[in-house]
Amino acid sequence: MKKKTSVILLLNMLLTFFLFPVSSWAEAIETGSVDLAPNAKSAILLDADTGTVLYEKNAHDRLPPASITKIMTLLLVMEALEEEKIRLDEMVTASEHAASMGGSQIYLEAGEQMTVEDLLKGVALASGNDASVALAEKIAGSEEMFVQMMNKRAEELGMKNTHFANSNGLPAENHYSTAHDIALMSR
């Protein structure tokens, strides 16, 4: 079944390419005559090299960023590694607070120790809310202090419609971003 679906998708893409050339797609996108994200509340497509916006749909609407929040968490962790504030082989002890996170998690127990590298994998691969908080606490001393760092970095990146309330994206009051701001952060 998967193979048949893949072949049908490939044929559809090839037919679309030959019947509707790339230049026509580019023109359709530029003129707004095609909606690349018909089911999305908000979307943006930009050139990664230049930052030029190629397509947008409600790109400045504030929405809950959910686990996309972890992009900022990972950015700050990578910057801390680059600045040698932490090391990949450094041990992190999970706090009660980190261990108490719900949702996606790697099931840390309070007092459990894990390396920064393994916690990074827990955030990036498992979207671990507990791993995000443990790393935040390691870098800033508390999640609250880390969230202040997140908001400061967002401001530095020009993310004008973003405010973080936690390091993992669990639903929280005053925790929002936009497709545009997420694109700036991701770039």
Protein backbone atom coordinates (compact mmCIF):
# COMPACT_ATOMS: atom_id res chain seq x y z
CA MET A 1 0.00 0.00 0.00
CA LYS A 2 2.81 2.43 0.92
CA LYS A 3 4.64 1.66 -2.33
CA LYS A 4 1.50 2.24 -4.40
CA THR A 5 0.84 5.55 -2.60
CA SER A 6 4.45 6.66 -3.15
CA VAL A 7 4.27 5.86 -6.87
CA ILE A 8 0.99 7.76 -7.22
CA LEU A 9 2.45 10.76 -5.37
CA LEU A 10 5.57 10.71 -7.54
CA LEU A 11 3.52 10.50 -10.74
CA ASN A 12 1.31 13.33 -9.54
CA MET A 13 4.35 15.49 -8.79
CA LEU A 14 5.93 14.76 -12.18
CA LEU A 15 2.69 15.46 -14.06
CA THR A 16 2.22 18.67 -12.12
CA PHE A 17 5.79 19.71 -12.90
CA PHE A 18 5.41 19.09 -16.63
CA LEU A 19 1.90 20.49 -16.95
CA PHE A 20 2.50 23.50 -14.71
CA PRO A 21 6.16 24.59 -15.05
CA VAL A 22 8.17 25.96 -12.14
CA SER A 23 8.08 29.47 -13.61
CA SER A 24 4.28 29.29 -13.50
CA TRP A 25 4.40 28.15 -9.87
CA ALA A 26 6.71 31.03 -8.99
CA GLU A 27 4.38 33.46 -10.75
CA ALA A 28 1.32 31.96 -9.05
CA ILE A 29 2.97 32.27 -5.65
CA GLU A 30 4.15 35.81 -6.34
CA THR A 31 0.71 36.97 -7.48
CA GLY A 32 -1.06 35.14 -4.66
CA SER A 33 -3.20 33.10 -7.04
CA VAL A 34 -2.24 29.83 -5.32
CA ASP A 35 -2.53 29.00 -1.64
CA LEU A 36 0.41 26.81 -0.68
CA ALA A 37 -1.04 26.12 2.75
CA PRO A 38 -4.82 25.91 2.34
CA ASN A 39 -5.40 24.23 5.72
CA ALA A 40 -2.93 26.33 7.71
CA LYS A 41 -4.04 29.20 9.94
CA SER A 42 -0.69 30.85 9.35
CA ALA A 43 2.32 30.16 7.13
CA ILE A 44 5.44 31.70 5.63
CA LEU A 45 8.00 30.63 3.06
CA LEU A 46 11.23 32.54 2.83
CA ASP A 47 14.57 32.23 1.12
CA ALA A 48 16.99 30.95 3.77
CA ASP A 49 19.95 32.81 2.27
CA THR A 50 18.40 36.23 1.75
CA GLY A 51 15.41 36.22 4.08
CA THR A 52 13.18 37.26 1.18
CA VAL A 53 9.56 36.32 1.84
CA LEU A 54 8.29 34.16 -1.03
CA TYR A 55 4.86 33.36 0.39
CA GLU A 56 2.92 34.29 3.48
CA LYS A 57 -0.51 33.72 4.90
CA ASN A 58 -1.47 35.45 8.15
CA ALA A 59 2.26 35.35 8.97
CA HIS A 60 1.96 37.94 11.75
CA ASP A 61 -0.98 36.34 13.60
CA ARG A 62 -0.07 35.43 17.18
CA LEU A 63 -0.59 31.73 17.87
CA PRO A 64 0.63 29.26 20.51
CA PRO A 65 3.98 27.94 19.22
CA ALA A 66 3.74 24.61 21.10
CA SER A 67 6.89 22.50 20.67
CA ILE A 68 8.35 24.92 18.12
CA THR A 69 9.32 26.78 21.30
CA LYS A 70 12.10 24.21 21.61
CA ILE A 71 13.87 25.78 18.61
CA MET A 72 14.71 28.75 20.84
CA THR A 73 15.67 26.43 23.69
CA LEU A 74 18.01 24.54 21.36
CA LEU A 75 19.41 27.78 19.95
CA LEU A 76 20.34 29.00 23.43
CA VAL A 77 21.83 25.62 24.36
CA MET A 78 23.94 25.62 21.17
CA GLU A 79 25.10 29.16 21.89
CA ALA A 80 26.04 28.16 25.45
CA LEU A 81 28.05 25.25 24.02
CA GLU A 82 29.75 27.54 21.51
CA GLU A 83 30.63 30.01 24.28
CA GLU A 84 31.91 27.07 26.38
CA LYS A 85 29.49 27.81 29.24
CA ILE A 86 28.56 24.12 29.14
CA ARG A 87 30.06 20.98 27.55
CA LEU A 88 28.37 18.07 25.78
CA ASP A 89 29.81 15.59 28.29
CA GLU A 90 28.74 17.66 31.31
CA MET A 91 26.26 15.99 33.63
CA VAL A 92 22.88 17.58 34.36
CA THR A 93 20.77 16.60 37.37
CA ALA A 94 17.02 16.66 36.77
CA SER A 95 15.08 18.76 39.28
CA GLU A 96 11.62 17.98 40.64
CA HIS A 97 10.32 20.73 38.36
CA ALA A 98 11.94 19.26 35.22
CA ALA A 99 10.73 15.76 36.11
CA SER A 100 7.17 17.00 36.62
CA MET A 101 6.61 18.04 32.99
CA GLY A 102 3.81 16.32 31.14
CA GLY A 103 3.24 15.86 27.44
CA SER A 104 6.16 14.65 25.33
CA GLN A 105 8.97 13.60 27.61
CA ILE A 106 11.94 11.31 28.10
CA TYR A 107 10.64 10.40 31.58
CA LEU A 108 13.38 11.94 33.69
CA GLU A 109 13.13 11.25 37.41
CA ALA A 110 14.06 13.89 39.99
CA GLY A 111 17.75 13.48 40.81
CA GLU A 112 18.50 11.49 37.65
CA GLN A 113 21.67 12.54 35.86
CA MET A 114 22.19 12.71 32.13
CA THR A 115 24.75 14.40 29.86
CA VAL A 116 23.99 17.62 28.01
CA GLU A 117 24.43 15.64 24.77
CA ASP A 118 21.81 13.05 25.74
CA LEU A 119 19.40 15.76 26.90
CA LEU A 120 19.87 17.54 23.56
CA LYS A 121 18.89 14.30 21.84
CA GLY A 122 15.89 14.09 24.15
CA VAL A 123 14.76 17.57 23.09
CA ALA A 124 15.53 17.25 19.37
CA LEU A 125 14.37 13.66 18.80
CA ALA A 126 11.68 13.08 21.41
CA SER A 127 10.53 16.68 21.92
CA GLY A 128 11.15 16.06 25.62
CA ASN A 129 9.55 18.74 27.76
CA ASP A 130 11.45 17.46 30.80
CA ALA A 131 14.77 17.52 28.91
CA SER A 132 14.08 21.11 27.80
CA VAL A 133 13.53 22.25 31.37
CA ALA A 134 16.58 20.35 32.67
CA LEU A 135 18.79 22.09 30.08
CA ALA A 136 17.19 25.46 30.81
CA GLU A 137 17.91 25.05 34.52
CA LYS A 138 21.49 23.97 33.80
CA ILE A 139 22.19 27.06 31.71
CA ALA A 140 20.34 29.74 33.67
CA GLY A 141 19.83 28.28 37.15
CA SER A 142 16.04 28.22 36.78
CA GLU A 143 13.54 27.88 33.97
CA GLU A 144 12.24 31.38 34.77
CA MET A 145 15.70 32.90 34.23
CA PHE A 146 16.10 30.88 31.02
CA VAL A 147 12.76 32.18 29.74
CA GLN A 148 14.07 35.72 30.29
CA MET A 149 17.08 34.77 28.15
CA MET A 150 14.72 33.36 25.50
CA ASN A 151 12.72 36.58 25.34
CA LYS A 152 15.88 38.69 25.20
CA ARG A 153 17.25 36.59 22.34
CA ALA A 154 13.90 36.80 20.52
CA GLU A 155 14.09 40.58 20.76
CA GLU A 156 17.66 40.54 19.41
CA LEU A 157 16.49 38.47 16.44
CA GLY A 158 13.72 40.99 15.66
CA MET A 159 10.90 38.69 16.78
CA LYS A 160 8.41 41.49 17.54
CA ASN A 161 5.34 39.30 18.08
CA THR A 162 6.78 36.59 20.28
CA HIS A 163 6.71 36.07 24.02
CA PHE A 164 7.85 32.90 25.73
CA ALA A 165 6.49 31.75 29.09
CA ASN A 166 8.37 28.43 29.30
CA SER A 167 11.20 26.53 27.62
CA ASN A 168 9.15 23.66 26.19
CA GLY A 169 5.97 25.02 24.62
CA LEU A 170 3.43 23.55 26.98
CA PRO A 171 0.28 25.72 26.94
CA ALA A 172 0.71 28.82 29.08
CA GLU A 173 -0.77 32.27 29.35
CA ASN A 174 1.17 34.91 27.41
CA HIS A 175 3.09 32.27 25.37
CA TYR A 176 2.80 33.11 21.67
CA SER A 177 4.64 33.60 18.40
CA THR A 178 3.97 34.09 14.71
CA ALA A 179 4.97 32.22 11.56
CA HIS A 180 7.12 35.23 10.62
CA ASP A 181 8.95 35.29 13.95
CA ILE A 182 9.46 31.52 13.90
CA ALA A 183 11.00 31.86 10.44
CA LEU A 184 13.40 34.52 11.78
CA MET A 185 14.36 32.27 14.69
CA SER A 186 14.76 29.19 12.50
CA ARG A 187 16.85 31.03 9.93
